[in-house]
Amino acid sequence: MDDAIANLLSEIQEAALDEAQPVTVALRHCVALGGVSESELLRDWASKELKGYAPDDVLPHTELCMHEFISTVLHPPRVLLLR
């Protein structure tokens, strides 16, 4: 697993379990994870949870969001790093 993804997952878990932190902290990490993992669905979902849904937005099914999250973690895209 990519270090950036592993770090974000750890930060999401810490934020989600820390009752002193608002849920927005975990959601911001989800936005970042969606960006790093190139998951537009995860990034968009977390962004809309943070900023709110537009009146014409279709609310997502929680199961689909969890599937995308788990898929992102288990099967991150292969990125060629040029040094």
PDB file of N, CA and C in Angstrom:
ATOM      1  N   MET A   1       0.853  -1.177   0.000  1.00  0.00           N
ATOM      2  CA  MET A   1       0.000   0.000   0.000  1.00  0.00           C
ATOM      3  C   MET A   1       0.894   1.233   0.000  1.00  0.00           C
ATOM      4  N   ASP A   2       0.528   2.213  -0.769  1.00  0.00           N
ATOM      5  CA  ASP A   2       1.256   3.462  -0.870  1.00  0.00           C
ATOM      6  C   ASP A   2       1.312   4.139   0.503  1.00  0.00           C
ATOM      7  N   ASP A   3       2.459   4.749   0.825  1.00  0.00           N
ATOM      8  CA  ASP A   3       2.615   5.420   2.126  1.00  0.00           C
ATOM      9  C   ASP A   3       1.611   6.545   2.327  1.00  0.00           C
ATOM     10  N   ALA A   4       1.339   7.310   1.274  1.00  0.00           N
ATOM     11  CA  ALA A   4       0.393   8.420   1.396  1.00  0.00           C
ATOM     12  C   ALA A   4      -1.000   7.898   1.746  1.00  0.00           C
ATOM     13  N   ILE A   5      -1.399   6.815   1.100  1.00  0.00           N
ATOM     14  CA  ILE A   5      -2.712   6.231   1.378  1.00  0.00           C
ATOM     15  C   ILE A   5      -2.754   5.659   2.790  1.00  0.00           C
ATOM     16  N   ALA A   6      -1.697   4.973   3.184  1.00  0.00           N
ATOM     17  CA  ALA A   6      -1.634   4.408   4.537  1.00  0.00           C
ATOM     18  C   ALA A   6      -1.702   5.512   5.588  1.00  0.00           C
ATOM     19  N   ASN A   7      -0.988   6.608   5.348  1.00  0.00           N
ATOM     20  CA  ASN A   7      -1.006   7.726   6.302  1.00  0.00           C
ATOM     21  C   ASN A   7      -2.395   8.351   6.394  1.00  0.00           C
ATOM     22  N   LEU A   8      -3.040   8.549   5.246  1.00  0.00           N
ATOM     23  CA  LEU A   8      -4.381   9.124   5.256  1.00  0.00           C
ATOM     24  C   LEU A   8      -5.377   8.216   5.962  1.00  0.00           C
ATOM     25  N   LEU A   9      -5.272   6.918   5.732  1.00  0.00           N
ATOM     26  CA  LEU A   9      -6.165   5.980   6.418  1.00  0.00           C
ATOM     27  C   LEU A   9      -5.979   6.066   7.927  1.00  0.00           C
ATOM     28  N   SER A  10      -4.744   6.167   8.358  1.00  0.00           N
ATOM     29  CA  SER A  10      -4.459   6.296   9.787  1.00  0.00           C
ATOM     30  C   SER A  10      -5.055   7.595  10.338  1.00  0.00           C
ATOM     31  N   GLU A  11      -4.913   8.681   9.588  1.00  0.00           N
ATOM     32  CA  GLU A  11      -5.459   9.968  10.026  1.00  0.00           C
ATOM     33  C   GLU A  11      -6.990   9.941  10.055  1.00  0.00           C
ATOM     34  N   ILE A  12      -7.600   9.272   9.076  1.00  0.00           N
ATOM     35  CA  ILE A  12      -9.063   9.150   9.062  1.00  0.00           C
ATOM     36  C   ILE A  12      -9.531   8.369  10.291  1.00  0.00           C
ATOM     37  N   GLN A  13      -8.844   7.273  10.569  1.00  0.00           N
ATOM     38  CA  GLN A  13      -9.219   6.458  11.726  1.00  0.00           C
ATOM     39  C   GLN A  13      -9.056   7.244  13.025  1.00  0.00           C
ATOM     40  N   GLU A  14      -7.940   7.924  13.177  1.00  0.00           N
ATOM     41  CA  GLU A  14      -7.720   8.713  14.401  1.00  0.00           C
ATOM     42  C   GLU A  14      -8.790   9.788  14.565  1.00  0.00           C
ATOM     43  N   ALA A  15      -9.086  10.501  13.480  1.00  0.00           N
ATOM     44  CA  ALA A  15     -10.082  11.573  13.550  1.00  0.00           C
ATOM     45  C   ALA A  15     -11.474  11.021  13.836  1.00  0.00           C
ATOM     46  N   ALA A  16     -11.800   9.886  13.227  1.00  0.00           N
ATOM     47  CA  ALA A  16     -13.130   9.295  13.426  1.00  0.00           C
ATOM     48  C   ALA A  16     -13.327   8.798  14.853  1.00  0.00           C
ATOM     49  N   LEU A  17     -12.257   8.338  15.467  1.00  0.00           N
ATOM     50  CA  LEU A  17     -12.369   7.777  16.820  1.00  0.00           C
ATOM     51  C   LEU A  17     -12.194   8.816  17.927  1.00  0.00           C
ATOM     52  N   ASP A  18     -11.687   9.995  17.577  1.00  0.00           N
ATOM     53  CA  ASP A  18     -11.457  11.050  18.570  1.00  0.00           C
ATOM     54  C   ASP A  18     -12.725  11.895  18.703  1.00  0.00           C
ATOM     55  N   GLU A  19     -13.451  11.692  19.778  1.00  0.00           N
ATOM     56  CA  GLU A  19     -14.711  12.407  19.978  1.00  0.00           C
ATOM     57  C   GLU A  19     -14.514  13.901  20.161  1.00  0.00           C
ATOM     58  N   ALA A  20     -13.296  14.328  20.456  1.00  0.00           N
ATOM     59  CA  ALA A  20     -13.021  15.752  20.626  1.00  0.00           C
ATOM     60  C   ALA A  20     -12.897  16.472  19.277  1.00  0.00           C
ATOM     61  N   GLN A  21     -12.685  15.715  18.213  1.00  0.00           N
ATOM     62  CA  GLN A  21     -12.540  16.319  16.893  1.00  0.00           C
ATOM     63  C   GLN A  21     -13.875  16.287  16.152  1.00  0.00           C
ATOM     64  N   PRO A  22     -14.175  17.358  15.431  1.00  0.00           N
ATOM     65  CA  PRO A  22     -15.403  17.325  14.624  1.00  0.00           C
ATOM     66  C   PRO A  22     -15.253  16.354  13.460  1.00  0.00           C
ATOM     67  N   VAL A  23     -16.369  15.845  12.970  1.00  0.00           N
ATOM     68  CA  VAL A  23     -16.358  14.876  11.871  1.00  0.00           C
ATOM     69  C   VAL A  23     -15.764  15.488  10.603  1.00  0.00           C
ATOM     70  N   THR A  24     -15.756  16.818  10.528  1.00  0.00           N
ATOM     71  CA  THR A  24     -15.197  17.479   9.347  1.00  0.00           C
ATOM     72  C   THR A  24     -13.714  17.164   9.158  1.00  0.00           C
ATOM     73  N   VAL A  25     -13.008  16.891  10.234  1.00  0.00           N
ATOM     74  CA  VAL A  25     -11.586  16.536  10.121  1.00  0.00           C
ATOM     75  C   VAL A  25     -11.442  15.228   9.347  1.00  0.00           C
ATOM     76  N   ALA A  26     -12.217  14.230   9.712  1.00  0.00           N
ATOM     77  CA  ALA A  26     -12.168  12.939   9.010  1.00  0.00           C
ATOM     78  C   ALA A  26     -12.614  13.099   7.558  1.00  0.00           C
ATOM     79  N   LEU A  27     -13.637  13.920   7.323  1.00  0.00           N
ATOM     80  CA  LEU A  27     -14.111  14.121   5.955  1.00  0.00           C
ATOM     81  C   LEU A  27     -13.064  14.813   5.089  1.00  0.00           C
ATOM     82  N   ARG A  28     -12.324  15.765   5.657  1.00  0.00           N
ATOM     83  CA  ARG A  28     -11.249  16.419   4.884  1.00  0.00           C
ATOM     84  C   ARG A  28     -10.173  15.410   4.508  1.00  0.00           C
ATOM     85  N   HIS A  29      -9.880  14.499   5.404  1.00  0.00           N
ATOM     86  CA  HIS A  29      -8.912  13.443   5.078  1.00  0.00           C
ATOM     87  C   HIS A  29      -9.466  12.525   3.987  1.00  0.00           C
ATOM     88  N   CYS A  30     -10.780  12.301   3.984  1.00  0.00           N
ATOM     89  CA  CYS A  30     -11.402  11.503   2.923  1.00  0.00           C
ATOM     90  C   CYS A  30     -11.290  12.207   1.570  1.00  0.00           C
ATOM     91  N   VAL A  31     -11.448  13.529   1.564  1.00  0.00           N
ATOM     92  CA  VAL A  31     -11.263  14.293   0.328  1.00  0.00           C
ATOM     93  C   VAL A  31      -9.832  14.090  -0.175  1.00  0.00           C
ATOM     94  N   ALA A  32      -8.873  14.188   0.734  1.00  0.00           N
ATOM     95  CA  ALA A  32      -7.465  14.005   0.356  1.00  0.00           C
ATOM     96  C   ALA A  32      -7.215  12.583  -0.147  1.00  0.00           C
ATOM     97  N   LEU A  33      -7.785  11.600   0.529  1.00  0.00           N
ATOM     98  CA  LEU A  33      -7.628  10.212   0.091  1.00  0.00           C
ATOM     99  C   LEU A  33      -8.209  10.011  -1.304  1.00  0.00           C
ATOM    100  N   GLY A  34      -9.354  10.623  -1.564  1.00  0.00           N
ATOM    101  CA  GLY A  34      -9.949  10.540  -2.896  1.00  0.00           C
ATOM    102  C   GLY A  34      -9.038  11.144  -3.954  1.00  0.00           C
ATOM    103  N   GLY A  35      -8.350  12.217  -3.596  1.00  0.00           N
ATOM    104  CA  GLY A  35      -7.420  12.831  -4.538  1.00  0.00           C
ATOM    105  C   GLY A  35      -6.191  11.982  -4.779  1.00  0.00           C
ATOM    106  N   VAL A  36      -5.587  11.495  -3.720  1.00  0.00           N
ATOM    107  CA  VAL A  36      -4.368  10.684  -3.827  1.00  0.00           C
ATOM    108  C   VAL A  36      -4.643   9.379  -4.565  1.00  0.00           C
ATOM    109  N   SER A  37      -5.801   8.799  -4.301  1.00  0.00           N
ATOM    110  CA  SER A  37      -6.139   7.502  -4.902  1.00  0.00           C
ATOM    111  C   SER A  37      -6.855   7.642  -6.247  1.00  0.00           C
ATOM    112  N   GLU A  38      -7.052   8.883  -6.680  1.00  0.00           N
ATOM    113  CA  GLU A  38      -7.738   9.172  -7.940  1.00  0.00           C
ATOM    114  C   GLU A  38      -9.171   8.633  -7.962  1.00  0.00           C
ATOM    115  N   SER A  39      -9.815   8.676  -6.798  1.00  0.00           N
ATOM    116  CA  SER A  39     -11.209   8.239  -6.698  1.00  0.00           C
ATOM    117  C   SER A  39     -12.107   9.476  -6.684  1.00  0.00           C
ATOM    118  N   GLU A  40     -12.622   9.815  -7.851  1.00  0.00           N
ATOM    119  CA  GLU A  40     -13.498  10.978  -7.968  1.00  0.00           C
ATOM    120  C   GLU A  40     -14.764  10.804  -7.130  1.00  0.00           C
ATOM    121  N   LEU A  41     -15.292   9.583  -7.089  1.00  0.00           N
ATOM    122  CA  LEU A  41     -16.501   9.315  -6.316  1.00  0.00           C
ATOM    123  C   LEU A  41     -16.283   9.583  -4.822  1.00  0.00           C
ATOM    124  N   LEU A  42     -15.174   9.100  -4.267  1.00  0.00           N
ATOM    125  CA  LEU A  42     -14.881   9.317  -2.850  1.00  0.00           C
ATOM    126  C   LEU A  42     -14.648  10.796  -2.567  1.00  0.00           C
ATOM    127  N   ARG A  43     -13.860  11.456  -3.421  1.00  0.00           N
ATOM    128  CA  ARG A  43     -13.566  12.879  -3.239  1.00  0.00           C
ATOM    129  C   ARG A  43     -14.841  13.713  -3.300  1.00  0.00           C
ATOM    130  N   ASP A  44     -15.697  13.427  -4.299  1.00  0.00           N
ATOM    131  CA  ASP A  44     -16.930  14.196  -4.442  1.00  0.00           C
ATOM    132  C   ASP A  44     -17.886  13.965  -3.279  1.00  0.00           C
ATOM    133  N   TRP A  45     -18.001  12.700  -2.850  1.00  0.00           N
ATOM    134  CA  TRP A  45     -18.889  12.392  -1.717  1.00  0.00           C
ATOM    135  C   TRP A  45     -18.461  13.156  -0.471  1.00  0.00           C
ATOM    136  N   ALA A  46     -17.164  13.069  -0.134  1.00  0.00           N
ATOM    137  CA  ALA A  46     -16.681  13.739   1.078  1.00  0.00           C
ATOM    138  C   ALA A  46     -16.815  15.258   0.963  1.00  0.00           C
ATOM    139  N   SER A  47     -16.571  15.790  -0.223  1.00  0.00           N
ATOM    140  CA  SER A  47     -16.717  17.240  -0.432  1.00  0.00           C
ATOM    141  C   SER A  47     -18.164  17.685  -0.222  1.00  0.00           C
ATOM    142  N   LYS A  48     -19.099  16.899  -0.751  1.00  0.00           N
ATOM    143  CA  LYS A  48     -20.507  17.250  -0.583  1.00  0.00           C
ATOM    144  C   LYS A  48     -20.958  17.088   0.860  1.00  0.00           C
ATOM    145  N   GLU A  49     -20.413  16.112   1.562  1.00  0.00           N
ATOM    146  CA  GLU A  49     -20.734  15.965   2.980  1.00  0.00           C
ATOM    147  C   GLU A  49     -20.236  17.180   3.766  1.00  0.00           C
ATOM    148  N   LEU A  50     -19.104  17.740   3.353  1.00  0.00           N
ATOM    149  CA  LEU A  50     -18.552  18.917   4.027  1.00  0.00           C
ATOM    150  C   LEU A  50     -19.320  20.189   3.674  1.00  0.00           C
ATOM    151  N   LYS A  51     -19.599  20.382   2.399  1.00  0.00           N
ATOM    152  CA  LYS A  51     -20.157  21.647   1.916  1.00  0.00           C
ATOM    153  C   LYS A  51     -21.667  21.630   1.764  1.00  0.00           C
ATOM    154  N   GLY A  52     -22.242  20.434   1.735  1.00  0.00           N
ATOM    155  CA  GLY A  52     -23.675  20.306   1.551  1.00  0.00           C
ATOM    156  C   GLY A  52     -24.008  19.909   0.121  1.00  0.00           C
ATOM    157  N   TYR A  53     -25.156  19.318  -0.033  1.00  0.00           N
ATOM    158  CA  TYR A  53     -25.631  18.862  -1.331  1.00  0.00           C
ATOM    159  C   TYR A  53     -26.477  19.946  -1.973  1.00  0.00           C
ATOM    160  N   ALA A  54     -26.359  20.063  -3.286  1.00  0.00           N
ATOM    161  CA  ALA A  54     -27.203  20.995  -4.034  1.00  0.00           C
ATOM    162  C   ALA A  54     -28.616  20.425  -4.086  1.00  0.00           C
ATOM    163  N   PRO A  55     -29.619  21.299  -4.275  1.00  0.00           N
ATOM    164  CA  PRO A  55     -31.002  20.814  -4.303  1.00  0.00           C
ATOM    165  C   PRO A  55     -31.257  19.739  -5.363  1.00  0.00           C
ATOM    166  N   ASP A  56     -30.516  19.779  -6.465  1.00  0.00           N
ATOM    167  CA  ASP A  56     -30.751  18.794  -7.526  1.00  0.00           C
ATOM    168  C   ASP A  56     -29.826  17.580  -7.440  1.00  0.00           C
ATOM    169  N   ASP A  57     -28.956  17.531  -6.419  1.00  0.00           N
ATOM    170  CA  ASP A  57     -28.074  16.368  -6.236  1.00  0.00           C
ATOM    171  C   ASP A  57     -28.879  15.151  -5.788  1.00  0.00           C
ATOM    172  N   VAL A  58     -28.495  14.020  -6.287  1.00  0.00           N
ATOM    173  CA  VAL A  58     -29.079  12.762  -5.820  1.00  0.00           C
ATOM    174  C   VAL A  58     -28.237  12.292  -4.641  1.00  0.00           C
ATOM    175  N   LEU A  59     -28.884  12.034  -3.527  1.00  0.00           N
ATOM    176  CA  LEU A  59     -28.138  11.589  -2.346  1.00  0.00           C
ATOM    177  C   LEU A  59     -27.594  10.185  -2.585  1.00  0.00           C
ATOM    178  N   PRO A  60     -26.320   9.976  -2.226  1.00  0.00           N
ATOM    179  CA  PRO A  60     -25.708   8.669  -2.486  1.00  0.00           C
ATOM    180  C   PRO A  60     -26.196   7.613  -1.512  1.00  0.00           C
ATOM    181  N   HIS A  61     -26.125   6.381  -1.953  1.00  0.00           N
ATOM    182  CA  HIS A  61     -26.401   5.260  -1.065  1.00  0.00           C
ATOM    183  C   HIS A  61     -25.136   5.009  -0.256  1.00  0.00           C
ATOM    184  N   THR A  62     -25.268   4.876   1.040  1.00  0.00           N
ATOM    185  CA  THR A  62     -24.118   4.666   1.913  1.00  0.00           C
ATOM    186  C   THR A  62     -23.317   3.448   1.481  1.00  0.00           C
ATOM    187  N   GLU A  63     -23.999   2.426   1.032  1.00  0.00           N
ATOM    188  CA  GLU A  63     -23.300   1.205   0.620  1.00  0.00           C
ATOM    189  C   GLU A  63     -22.342   1.471  -0.534  1.00  0.00           C
ATOM    190  N   LEU A  64     -22.741   2.322  -1.474  1.00  0.00           N
ATOM    191  CA  LEU A  64     -21.877   2.647  -2.610  1.00  0.00           C
ATOM    192  C   LEU A  64     -20.645   3.421  -2.164  1.00  0.00           C
ATOM    193  N   CYS A  65     -20.816   4.325  -1.228  1.00  0.00           N
ATOM    194  CA  CYS A  65     -19.680   5.096  -0.714  1.00  0.00           C
ATOM    195  C   CYS A  65     -18.701   4.180   0.010  1.00  0.00           C
ATOM    196  N   MET A  66     -19.219   3.275   0.822  1.00  0.00           N
ATOM    197  CA  MET A  66     -18.335   2.354   1.533  1.00  0.00           C
ATOM    198  C   MET A  66     -17.625   1.430   0.562  1.00  0.00           C
ATOM    199  N   HIS A  67     -18.322   0.972  -0.490  1.00  0.00           N
ATOM    200  CA  HIS A  67     -17.694   0.113  -1.488  1.00  0.00           C
ATOM    201  C   HIS A  67     -16.552   0.853  -2.165  1.00  0.00           C
ATOM    202  N   GLU A  68     -16.760   2.117  -2.526  1.00  0.00           N
ATOM    203  CA  GLU A  68     -15.719   2.910  -3.180  1.00  0.00           C
ATOM    204  C   GLU A  68     -14.545   3.123  -2.236  1.00  0.00           C
ATOM    205  N   PHE A  69     -14.833   3.397  -0.957  1.00  0.00           N
ATOM    206  CA  PHE A  69     -13.777   3.605   0.025  1.00  0.00           C
ATOM    207  C   PHE A  69     -12.931   2.338   0.172  1.00  0.00           C
ATOM    208  N   ILE A  70     -13.588   1.205   0.332  1.00  0.00           N
ATOM    209  CA  ILE A  70     -12.872  -0.062   0.509  1.00  0.00           C
ATOM    210  C   ILE A  70     -12.106  -0.420  -0.765  1.00  0.00           C
ATOM    211  N   SER A  71     -12.713  -0.193  -1.913  1.00  0.00           N
ATOM    212  CA  SER A  71     -12.047  -0.471  -3.179  1.00  0.00           C
ATOM    213  C   SER A  71     -10.802   0.394  -3.344  1.00  0.00           C
ATOM    214  N   THR A  72     -10.886   1.649  -2.929  1.00  0.00           N
ATOM    215  CA  THR A  72      -9.744   2.564  -3.004  1.00  0.00           C
ATOM    216  C   THR A  72      -8.600   2.073  -2.129  1.00  0.00           C
ATOM    217  N   VAL A  73      -8.930   1.593  -0.959  1.00  0.00           N
ATOM    218  CA  VAL A  73      -7.911   1.129  -0.023  1.00  0.00           C
ATOM    219  C   VAL A  73      -7.268  -0.169  -0.506  1.00  0.00           C
ATOM    220  N   LEU A  74      -8.080  -1.098  -0.973  1.00  0.00           N
ATOM    221  CA  LEU A  74      -7.561  -2.408  -1.363  1.00  0.00           C
ATOM    222  C   LEU A  74      -6.919  -2.419  -2.741  1.00  0.00           C
ATOM    223  N   HIS A  75      -7.369  -1.535  -3.619  1.00  0.00           N
ATOM    224  CA  HIS A  75      -6.876  -1.544  -4.999  1.00  0.00           C
ATOM    225  C   HIS A  75      -6.541  -0.132  -5.469  1.00  0.00           C
ATOM    226  N   PRO A  76      -5.542   0.512  -4.844  1.00  0.00           N
ATOM    227  CA  PRO A  76      -5.191   1.871  -5.276  1.00  0.00           C
ATOM    228  C   PRO A  76      -4.625   1.832  -6.690  1.00  0.00           C
ATOM    229  N   PRO A  77      -4.800   2.931  -7.440  1.00  0.00           N
ATOM    230  CA  PRO A  77      -4.260   2.946  -8.798  1.00  0.00           C
ATOM    231  C   PRO A  77      -2.741   2.920  -8.779  1.00  0.00           C
ATOM    232  N   ARG A  78      -2.185   2.362  -9.802  1.00  0.00           N
ATOM    233  CA  ARG A  78      -0.729   2.315  -9.938  1.00  0.00           C
ATOM    234  C   ARG A  78      -0.291   3.658 -10.523  1.00  0.00           C
ATOM    235  N   VAL A  79       0.616   4.315  -9.831  1.00  0.00           N
ATOM    236  CA  VAL A  79       1.094   5.616 -10.280  1.00  0.00           C
ATOM    237  C   VAL A  79       2.594   5.501 -10.541  1.00  0.00           C
ATOM    238  N   LEU A  80       3.011   5.957 -11.713  1.00  0.00           N
ATOM    239  CA  LEU A  80       4.426   5.940 -12.057  1.00  0.00           C
ATOM    240  C   LEU A  80       5.057   7.205 -11.496  1.00  0.00           C
ATOM    241  N   LEU A  81       5.989   7.039 -10.620  1.00  0.00           N
ATOM    242  CA  LEU A  81       6.676   8.182 -10.031  1.00  0.00           C
ATOM    243  C   LEU A  81       7.976   8.425 -10.780  1.00  0.00           C
ATOM    244  N   LEU A  82       8.131   9.625 -11.282  1.00  0.00           N
ATOM    245  CA  LEU A  82       9.362   9.995 -11.979  1.00  0.00           C
ATOM    246  C   LEU A  82      10.243  10.770 -11.028  1.00  0.00           C
ATOM    247  N   ARG A  83      11.459  10.381 -10.966  1.00  0.00           N
ATOM    248  CA  ARG A  83      12.389  11.079 -10.066  1.00  0.00           C
ATOM    249  C   ARG A  83      13.455  11.754 -10.868  1.00  0.00           C
TER     250      ARG A  83
END
